[in-house]
């Protein structure tokens, strides 16, 4: 996940996390004027393509279509809007939505995945109630839609999310604000892969 509020230019952070093994980038930056946002998104899309990764654009179907990217839609997006995104982007693109509880996950049956948040307490998601916890991941995963855990995820918790049933984790602050995003990405991936071996 990306925003520009880190200690270095966003492009540098993206390059570093890609170098560290990340292959799915969610471009969320929404506070730039549209022309500047488009230029920034094009640069990031190029970096992600060069790395063989996937770019999802948050909440902007027009920009996602222009970039040939996937899209992440807000919570409460209805089935008609999801179907429209699929028509616009084609079958190779991912269409995901935000979920902040079990009902949101159940309503997202036509999507490729949901982000479930906040799993843990986080300054980035202060308006969405208390942390849901690992049990929410396990319950949501049983619905059958891949669940990406979001909110307060770090090296120490990524593996626990996988063991609880998460299909992936999304990390913003933990990668954006560290001194070495590449090393942090590698550490996250090591923790995630270690979880496939079962409980420690």
Foldseek 3Di string as FASTA:
>chain_A
DDEQPAPDGRLVLLLQLLLLPDAEEEAEYDPDPVVVSLVVVLSSLVSNVVSVHAYEYECDLVSCLVSLHAYEYEQPDAPVVQVVSCVSNDDVHFYEYEDAAQVSLLRPVVGQEYEYDDQAAAPVPVPRDHHPHLLRLLVSVVSPHAYEYEHPDFLVCLLVNVLSPHPYYDDYCRQRYDPRNSVRSNSNVVSNVVSVVPDD
